[in-house]
Amino acid sequence: MDPGQWDALVAATPGTTVFQRHAWLQALQASGCAVPQTGWQALLLRLRDPDGTLAAACVVYAKGHSMGEYVFDWAWADAHERSGLPYYPKLLLATPFTPVGGARLLGRDAPARQALLQALLQLARATRVSSLHLLFLAPGEDELCERAGLLLRRTLQFHWRQAQPPWPDFDAFVGAMNHDKRKKLRQERRKVRESGVELRRLQGAAIDRRAWELFLRCYEQTYAEHGSMPYLNLDFFLRAAEQLGEHLLLIVASLHGEDIACSLIVLDPALRRAYGRYWGALRHVPLLHFELCYYEPLQFCLENGYEAFEGGAQGSHKMARGLLPAQCVSAHWIAEPRLRAAIAAHLRRETPLVQQQFDELREHAPLRRDPQPPTPDPAAAPSIGP
């Protein structure tokens, strides 16, 4: 599909992010990461006016597995198989390997997006798949899906948001935390500095091929330590950098002059949001993960006027680093009536439990309810990076 037409729909649709851009999706496919051989068969669905004008579009994937999605439906797959019905292939509308909220139904206006959802449901019925899933919906899409008869499911992530009035710098943010969390955070940053680790930030064109090769070694090493294979390859990162370089921030850690770890942050300047995506290390340094994946990205956000930072899927440990629980919504169409009824009953039980967990986590938020002037850290280091 023409990149200009696709990105025009992205621009016209509320709630889109950089991850819906043509360049990002094309890099996933052209690099061989999200292709039929890896279980991701891309299907392009387009709606046009009688005069040929593009009104709405989406890429929906025919999936042969449930990996790389982050809304886990393994139990649903098992229930299908035990009932004698295949669960795969299924249809999935989401950005591969990306647990980030964003508009799934691209259209010039609300009626076009509603028509696109109906076309998706018609496709699901015509192809006789077990199910259709729209993950990490943008605000408003959940209501559209619910009205169309899809089942809604809620999950939790952890996001940082700038305060109102805003914290002027990282020290002010830390100073707004309760005593124990503030003390622990400062100790963790201090221990990383005392270990001899130095950090530098690379952005845009400053991330050259050598830096990407370093990042990939770190990324692959971390996956190997967990006994799994990475979803992405060097070709993907090079392609993404060529087209979307201004959206990429690489934080590199070195020890005694040797580069040993990296974290990749995706930036969306128009939305003033940043997304923690991938990290890896060639050597173990205690607490370095927290520094590269949370503290330094948050410091970058505060220094550059970003209003939100998403830390990726799951992980209640992120609360101690200042990220608070946030609810994500997905929508699901199940073809088989009895299994649909069983899954609907499960969701009726699950939803209040997720809400209860959300409320309890908010009660234990690390930020004080009675903001006070920040307590300065006498050992605080100056900002690392430009």
Protein backbone atom coordinates (compact mmCIF):
# COMPACT_ATOMS: atom_id res chain seq x y z
CA MET A 1 0.00 0.00 0.00
CA ASP A 2 1.18 3.53 -0.74
CA PRO A 3 3.00 4.87 2.37
CA GLY A 4 1.56 8.35 1.92
CA GLN A 5 -2.04 7.13 1.85
CA TRP A 6 -1.48 4.89 4.87
CA ASP A 7 0.18 7.61 6.93
CA ALA A 8 -2.57 10.05 5.97
CA LEU A 9 -5.04 7.69 7.62
CA VAL A 10 -2.74 7.42 10.63
CA ALA A 11 -2.72 11.21 10.91
CA ALA A 12 -6.53 11.37 10.57
CA THR A 13 -7.22 8.75 13.24
CA PRO A 14 -7.27 9.76 16.92
CA GLY A 15 -5.03 7.75 19.21
CA THR A 16 -2.40 6.58 16.73
CA THR A 17 1.30 6.34 17.61
CA VAL A 18 4.58 5.89 15.78
CA PHE A 19 3.96 2.12 15.90
CA GLN A 20 1.09 2.47 13.42
CA ARG A 21 3.29 4.29 10.89
CA HIS A 22 3.87 2.58 7.55
CA ALA A 23 7.64 2.57 8.04
CA TRP A 24 7.43 0.63 11.32
CA LEU A 25 5.05 -2.01 9.98
CA GLN A 26 6.96 -2.30 6.70
CA ALA A 27 10.24 -2.80 8.57
CA LEU A 28 8.71 -5.70 10.50
CA GLN A 29 7.67 -7.37 7.28
CA ALA A 30 10.64 -6.58 5.04
CA SER A 31 13.11 -7.77 7.69
CA GLY A 32 11.39 -11.17 7.94
CA CYS A 33 10.28 -10.66 11.54
CA ALA A 34 6.49 -10.60 11.01
CA VAL A 35 5.97 -12.87 8.00
CA PRO A 36 4.17 -16.17 7.33
CA GLN A 37 7.35 -18.13 8.11
CA THR A 38 7.26 -16.76 11.67
CA GLY A 39 3.51 -17.21 12.06
CA TRP A 40 2.39 -13.70 11.00
CA GLN A 41 0.46 -13.60 7.72
CA ALA A 42 -0.38 -9.96 6.98
CA LEU A 43 -3.75 -9.25 5.37
CA LEU A 44 -4.43 -5.71 4.15
CA LEU A 45 -8.07 -4.65 4.46
CA ARG A 46 -9.09 -1.41 2.72
CA LEU A 47 -12.39 0.42 2.30
CA ARG A 48 -12.77 2.89 -0.53
CA ASP A 49 -15.41 5.37 -1.64
CA PRO A 50 -17.09 4.86 -5.04
CA ASP A 51 -14.58 7.32 -6.53
CA GLY A 52 -11.65 5.24 -5.22
CA THR A 53 -10.74 7.49 -2.30
CA LEU A 54 -9.33 5.50 0.61
CA ALA A 55 -11.66 5.77 3.60
CA ALA A 56 -10.27 3.21 6.08
CA ALA A 57 -7.64 0.51 6.34
CA CYS A 58 -5.89 -1.90 8.67
CA VAL A 59 -3.40 -4.74 8.60
CA VAL A 60 -4.79 -7.82 10.32
CA TYR A 61 -2.58 -10.86 10.88
CA ALA A 62 -3.55 -14.50 10.46
CA LYS A 63 -1.68 -16.07 13.37
CA GLY A 64 -0.54 -19.66 13.83
CA HIS A 65 0.41 -19.11 17.47
CA SER A 66 -0.04 -16.60 20.32
CA MET A 67 3.54 -15.44 20.74
CA GLY A 68 4.55 -11.79 20.56
CA GLU A 69 1.11 -10.48 21.60
CA TYR A 70 1.24 -9.79 25.39
CA VAL A 71 -2.47 -10.38 25.95
CA PHE A 72 -2.31 -14.02 26.87
CA ASP A 73 -4.95 -16.38 25.50
CA TRP A 74 -3.25 -19.75 26.00
CA ALA A 75 -6.16 -20.98 28.15
CA TRP A 76 -8.61 -20.03 25.40
CA ALA A 77 -6.55 -21.97 22.88
CA ASP A 78 -6.50 -24.97 25.21
CA ALA A 79 -10.28 -24.82 25.67
CA HIS A 80 -10.77 -24.87 21.90
CA GLU A 81 -8.44 -27.82 21.43
CA ARG A 82 -10.09 -29.80 24.25
CA SER A 83 -13.44 -29.13 22.61
CA GLY A 84 -12.16 -30.61 19.37
CA LEU A 85 -11.96 -27.24 17.59
CA PRO A 86 -8.75 -25.69 16.25
CA TYR A 87 -7.86 -22.30 17.71
CA TYR A 88 -5.30 -21.47 15.02
CA PRO A 89 -5.30 -19.75 12.68
CA LYS A 90 -6.88 -16.76 14.35
CA LEU A 91 -7.00 -13.12 13.25
CA LEU A 92 -5.09 -10.48 15.21
CA LEU A 93 -5.18 -6.70 14.87
CA ALA A 94 -2.19 -5.29 16.72
CA THR A 95 1.35 -4.12 16.06
CA PRO A 96 3.53 -7.25 16.24
CA PHE A 97 5.69 -7.59 19.36
CA THR A 98 4.47 -4.22 20.68
CA PRO A 99 2.32 -4.00 23.83
CA VAL A 100 1.55 -0.32 23.29
CA GLY A 101 -1.90 1.22 23.06
CA GLY A 102 -2.87 2.80 19.77
CA ALA A 103 -5.70 3.05 17.27
CA ARG A 104 -6.26 -0.24 15.44
CA LEU A 105 -9.01 0.96 13.09
CA LEU A 106 -7.57 3.61 10.79
CA GLY A 107 -10.16 5.78 9.12
CA ARG A 108 -10.85 9.35 8.08
CA ASP A 109 -13.85 9.58 10.44
CA ALA A 110 -15.93 7.57 12.94
CA PRO A 111 -18.34 6.07 10.34
CA ALA A 112 -15.39 4.84 8.28
CA ARG A 113 -13.81 3.20 11.31
CA GLN A 114 -17.12 1.58 12.24
CA ALA A 115 -17.47 0.23 8.70
CA LEU A 116 -13.93 -1.14 8.90
CA LEU A 117 -14.77 -3.07 12.07
CA GLN A 118 -17.80 -4.58 10.35
CA ALA A 119 -15.60 -5.57 7.41
CA LEU A 120 -13.20 -7.26 9.83
CA LEU A 121 -16.02 -9.27 11.35
CA GLN A 122 -17.20 -10.27 7.87
CA LEU A 123 -13.66 -11.39 7.04
CA ALA A 124 -13.48 -13.47 10.23
CA ARG A 125 -16.76 -15.21 9.40
CA ALA A 126 -15.88 -15.75 5.74
CA THR A 127 -12.50 -17.30 6.52
CA ARG A 128 -13.99 -19.48 9.30
CA VAL A 129 -11.26 -18.63 11.79
CA SER A 130 -11.80 -19.35 15.46
CA SER A 131 -11.54 -15.75 16.60
CA LEU A 132 -10.63 -12.13 15.98
CA HIS A 133 -8.62 -10.11 18.52
CA LEU A 134 -7.94 -6.36 18.66
CA LEU A 135 -5.26 -5.64 21.26
CA PHE A 136 -4.25 -2.51 23.20
CA LEU A 137 -7.07 -0.34 21.91
CA ALA A 138 -7.03 3.43 21.80
CA PRO A 139 -9.63 5.29 23.91
CA GLY A 140 -13.05 5.06 22.28
CA GLU A 141 -12.31 1.93 20.29
CA ASP A 142 -13.43 -0.23 23.21
CA GLU A 143 -16.92 1.29 23.07
CA LEU A 144 -17.07 0.78 19.30
CA CYS A 145 -16.06 -2.88 19.68
CA GLU A 146 -18.47 -3.49 22.54
CA ARG A 147 -21.37 -2.10 20.53
CA ALA A 148 -20.40 -4.49 17.73
CA GLY A 149 -20.71 -7.43 20.13
CA LEU A 150 -17.05 -8.10 20.91
CA LEU A 151 -15.95 -9.14 24.38
CA LEU A 152 -13.72 -6.71 26.26
CA ARG A 153 -10.75 -7.77 28.36
CA ARG A 154 -8.72 -5.58 30.70
CA THR A 155 -5.07 -6.02 31.62
CA LEU A 156 -2.58 -3.93 33.58
CA GLN A 157 0.60 -2.15 32.64
CA PHE A 158 2.72 0.47 34.43
CA HIS A 159 3.19 3.97 33.07
CA TRP A 160 4.85 7.14 34.31
CA ARG A 161 3.08 10.45 33.84
CA GLN A 162 4.27 13.96 34.46
CA ALA A 163 2.69 15.63 37.47
CA GLN A 164 0.49 18.72 37.45
CA PRO A 165 2.06 21.12 38.17
CA PRO A 166 4.98 19.43 36.42
CA TRP A 167 8.15 18.26 38.11
CA PRO A 168 10.93 20.49 36.77
CA ASP A 169 13.62 17.80 36.91
CA PHE A 170 14.42 14.27 38.06
CA ASP A 171 15.32 15.36 41.59
CA ALA A 172 11.89 16.94 42.00
CA PHE A 173 10.25 13.72 40.81
CA VAL A 174 12.27 11.64 43.26
CA GLY A 175 11.51 14.13 46.00
CA ALA A 176 7.78 13.55 45.48
CA MET A 177 8.13 9.86 46.38
CA ASN A 178 7.58 8.55 49.87
CA HIS A 179 10.61 8.20 52.11
CA ASP A 180 11.37 4.52 51.66
CA LYS A 181 11.01 4.53 47.86
CA ARG A 182 12.97 7.77 47.57
CA LYS A 183 15.81 6.35 49.65
CA LYS A 184 15.89 3.08 47.72
CA LEU A 185 15.87 4.79 44.32
CA ARG A 186 18.77 7.05 45.26
CA GLN A 187 20.72 4.13 46.64
CA GLU A 188 20.21 2.14 43.45
CA ARG A 189 21.43 4.98 41.24
CA ARG A 190 24.37 5.61 43.53
CA LYS A 191 25.47 1.97 43.46
CA VAL A 192 25.45 1.95 39.66
CA ARG A 193 27.61 5.07 39.57
CA GLU A 194 29.98 3.66 42.17
CA SER A 195 30.40 0.49 40.11
CA GLY A 196 32.12 2.62 37.47
CA VAL A 197 29.33 2.49 34.88
CA GLU A 198 29.08 5.45 32.54
CA LEU A 199 26.09 6.20 30.32
CA ARG A 200 25.70 8.00 27.04
CA ARG A 201 22.65 8.76 24.93
CA LEU A 202 22.55 8.28 21.18
CA GLN A 203 19.63 9.57 19.15
CA GLY A 204 18.71 9.60 15.49
CA ALA A 205 21.67 9.62 13.12
CA ALA A 206 24.08 9.24 16.04
CA ILE A 207 22.99 5.58 16.29
CA ASP A 208 25.25 4.17 13.58
CA ARG A 209 25.52 0.58 12.39
CA ARG A 210 28.20 -0.21 14.97
CA ALA A 211 25.86 0.95 17.75
CA TRP A 212 23.02 -1.17 16.36
CA GLU A 213 25.29 -4.21 16.19
CA LEU A 214 26.23 -3.65 19.84
CA PHE A 215 22.58 -3.31 20.77
CA LEU A 216 21.68 -6.51 18.95
CA ARG A 217 24.41 -8.47 20.78
CA CYS A 218 23.07 -7.22 24.10
CA TYR A 219 19.46 -7.89 23.10
CA GLU A 220 20.19 -11.43 21.89
CA GLN A 221 22.28 -12.24 24.95
CA THR A 222 19.46 -11.34 27.32
CA TYR A 223 16.98 -13.48 25.38
CA ALA A 224 19.46 -16.38 25.42
CA GLU A 225 19.84 -16.13 29.19
CA HIS A 226 16.07 -16.59 29.48
CA GLY A 227 16.11 -19.59 27.14
CA SER A 228 14.20 -17.93 24.30
CA MET A 229 14.73 -16.50 20.83
CA PRO A 230 14.39 -12.78 20.06
CA TYR A 231 11.60 -11.68 17.77
CA LEU A 232 13.57 -8.94 15.99
CA ASN A 233 16.80 -8.84 13.99
CA LEU A 234 19.45 -6.35 12.91
CA ASP A 235 17.75 -5.73 9.57
CA PHE A 236 14.59 -4.57 11.34
CA PHE A 237 16.43 -2.08 13.52
CA LEU A 238 18.43 -0.72 10.59
CA ARG A 239 15.28 -0.28 8.51
CA ALA A 240 13.42 1.39 11.37
CA ALA A 241 16.37 3.69 12.00
CA GLU A 242 16.57 4.68 8.33
CA GLN A 243 12.93 5.77 8.20
CA LEU A 244 12.18 6.72 11.82
CA GLY A 245 15.57 7.57 13.26
CA GLU A 246 14.33 10.69 15.07
CA HIS A 247 12.00 8.45 17.09
CA LEU A 248 14.79 6.23 18.47
CA LEU A 249 16.92 6.77 21.56
CA LEU A 250 19.67 4.32 22.49
CA ILE A 251 21.14 4.47 25.99
CA VAL A 252 24.53 2.77 26.15
CA ALA A 253 26.32 1.71 29.34
CA SER A 254 30.08 1.25 29.44
CA LEU A 255 32.35 -0.10 32.15
CA HIS A 256 36.06 0.75 32.14
CA GLY A 257 35.78 1.84 28.52
CA GLU A 258 33.92 -1.27 27.33
CA ASP A 259 30.31 -1.04 26.13
CA ILE A 260 28.36 -3.66 28.06
CA ALA A 261 24.63 -2.87 27.89
CA CYS A 262 21.96 -0.93 25.96
CA SER A 263 18.33 0.03 26.20
CA LEU A 264 16.19 1.22 23.30
CA ILE A 265 13.52 3.86 23.85
CA VAL A 266 11.00 4.78 21.15
CA LEU A 267 9.98 8.43 21.16
CA ASP A 268 6.75 9.97 19.93
CA PRO A 269 7.44 13.73 20.13
CA ALA A 270 4.01 14.71 18.79
CA LEU A 271 2.35 12.90 21.69
CA ARG A 272 5.12 13.78 24.17
CA ARG A 273 5.31 10.06 25.03
CA ALA A 274 8.23 7.67 25.26
CA TYR A 275 8.16 3.88 25.24
CA GLY A 276 10.65 1.55 26.86
CA ARG A 277 10.98 -1.29 24.35
CA TYR A 278 14.11 -3.45 24.52
CA TRP A 279 17.23 -3.86 26.57
CA GLY A 280 20.15 -6.24 26.94
CA ALA A 281 23.50 -6.66 28.68
CA LEU A 282 26.73 -8.51 27.91
CA ARG A 283 27.88 -8.38 31.52
CA HIS A 284 25.96 -8.38 34.78
CA VAL A 285 26.13 -5.23 36.86
CA PRO A 286 23.76 -5.11 39.85
CA LEU A 287 20.85 -2.69 39.35
CA LEU A 288 21.95 -1.68 35.86
CA HIS A 289 18.64 -2.85 34.41
CA PHE A 290 16.73 -0.32 36.53
CA GLU A 291 19.11 2.48 35.55
CA LEU A 292 18.94 1.82 31.81
CA CYS A 293 15.26 0.91 31.56
CA TYR A 294 13.65 3.33 34.05
CA TYR A 295 15.78 5.99 35.71
CA GLU A 296 17.75 7.29 32.75
CA PRO A 297 14.71 7.23 30.41
CA LEU A 298 12.64 9.11 33.00
CA GLN A 299 15.43 11.64 33.40
CA PHE A 300 15.46 12.07 29.62
CA CYS A 301 11.68 12.58 29.63
CA LEU A 302 11.86 15.25 32.31
CA GLU A 303 14.73 17.05 30.59
CA ASN A 304 13.00 17.05 27.21
CA GLY A 305 9.38 17.80 28.07
CA TYR A 306 7.91 14.33 27.61
CA GLU A 307 4.70 13.83 29.56
CA ALA A 308 4.46 10.03 29.69
CA PHE A 309 6.69 6.97 29.67
CA GLU A 310 5.36 3.46 29.14
CA GLY A 311 7.46 0.70 30.62
CA GLY A 312 6.12 -2.20 28.57
CA ALA A 313 4.07 -5.23 29.57
CA GLN A 314 3.48 -6.37 33.15
CA GLY A 315 5.91 -5.84 36.05
CA SER A 316 4.59 -4.52 39.37
CA HIS A 317 8.24 -3.94 40.38
CA LYS A 318 8.04 -0.84 38.16
CA MET A 319 5.94 0.90 40.81
CA ALA A 320 9.00 1.31 43.01
CA ARG A 321 10.55 3.24 40.10
CA GLY A 322 7.65 5.69 39.87
CA LEU A 323 5.49 4.00 37.25
CA LEU A 324 1.83 3.61 38.21
CA PRO A 325 -0.76 1.03 37.12
CA ALA A 326 -2.70 1.72 33.94
CA GLN A 327 -5.47 -0.34 32.40
CA CYS A 328 -5.31 -1.60 28.82
CA VAL A 329 -8.30 -2.89 26.88
CA SER A 330 -8.54 -5.51 24.17
CA ALA A 331 -11.57 -6.77 22.23
CA HIS A 332 -12.33 -10.35 21.16
CA TRP A 333 -14.76 -12.05 18.81
CA ILE A 334 -15.16 -15.81 19.32
CA ALA A 335 -16.86 -17.80 16.56
CA GLU A 336 -18.09 -20.89 18.45
CA PRO A 337 -21.15 -19.91 20.55
CA ARG A 338 -20.51 -22.24 23.50
CA LEU A 339 -16.86 -21.23 23.81
CA ARG A 340 -17.84 -17.59 23.43
CA ALA A 341 -20.30 -18.00 26.32
CA ALA A 342 -17.63 -19.69 28.46
CA ILE A 343 -15.06 -16.97 27.73
CA ALA A 344 -17.65 -14.26 28.40
CA ALA A 345 -18.37 -15.84 31.80
CA HIS A 346 -14.65 -15.96 32.52
CA LEU A 347 -14.26 -12.28 31.65
CA ARG A 348 -17.18 -11.34 33.91
CA ARG A 349 -15.22 -12.91 36.77
CA GLU A 350 -11.83 -11.60 35.68
CA THR A 351 -12.75 -7.95 35.09
CA PRO A 352 -13.63 -7.05 38.72
CA LEU A 353 -10.48 -8.84 39.90
CA VAL A 354 -8.37 -6.72 37.55
CA GLN A 355 -10.14 -3.60 38.82
CA GLN A 356 -9.53 -4.68 42.42
CA GLN A 357 -5.84 -5.25 41.68
CA PHE A 358 -5.66 -1.84 40.00
CA ASP A 359 -7.25 -0.11 42.98
CA GLU A 360 -4.99 -1.90 45.48
CA LEU A 361 -1.88 -1.02 43.51
CA ARG A 362 -2.95 2.62 43.35
CA GLU A 363 -3.35 2.58 47.11
CA HIS A 364 0.33 1.60 47.38
CA ALA A 365 1.59 4.17 44.91
CA PRO A 366 5.12 5.37 45.72
CA LEU A 367 4.21 9.05 45.36
CA ARG A 368 3.16 11.00 48.43
CA ARG A 369 -0.43 12.20 48.54
CA ASP A 370 0.68 15.45 50.17
CA PRO A 371 3.42 16.72 47.83
CA GLN A 372 6.23 18.50 49.62
CA PRO A 373 9.32 20.30 48.35
CA PRO A 374 11.86 17.69 47.20
CA THR A 375 14.60 16.72 49.60
CA PRO A 376 17.92 17.24 47.80
CA ASP A 377 20.26 14.28 47.44
CA PRO A 378 23.73 15.51 48.47
CA ALA A 379 25.36 12.73 46.42
CA ALA A 380 23.23 13.24 43.33
CA ALA A 381 25.22 13.11 40.14
CA PRO A 382 24.74 15.61 37.34
CA SER A 383 22.68 14.57 34.34
CA ILE A 384 24.24 11.83 32.26
CA GLY A 385 24.08 12.50 28.55
CA PRO A 386 23.68 15.62 26.46
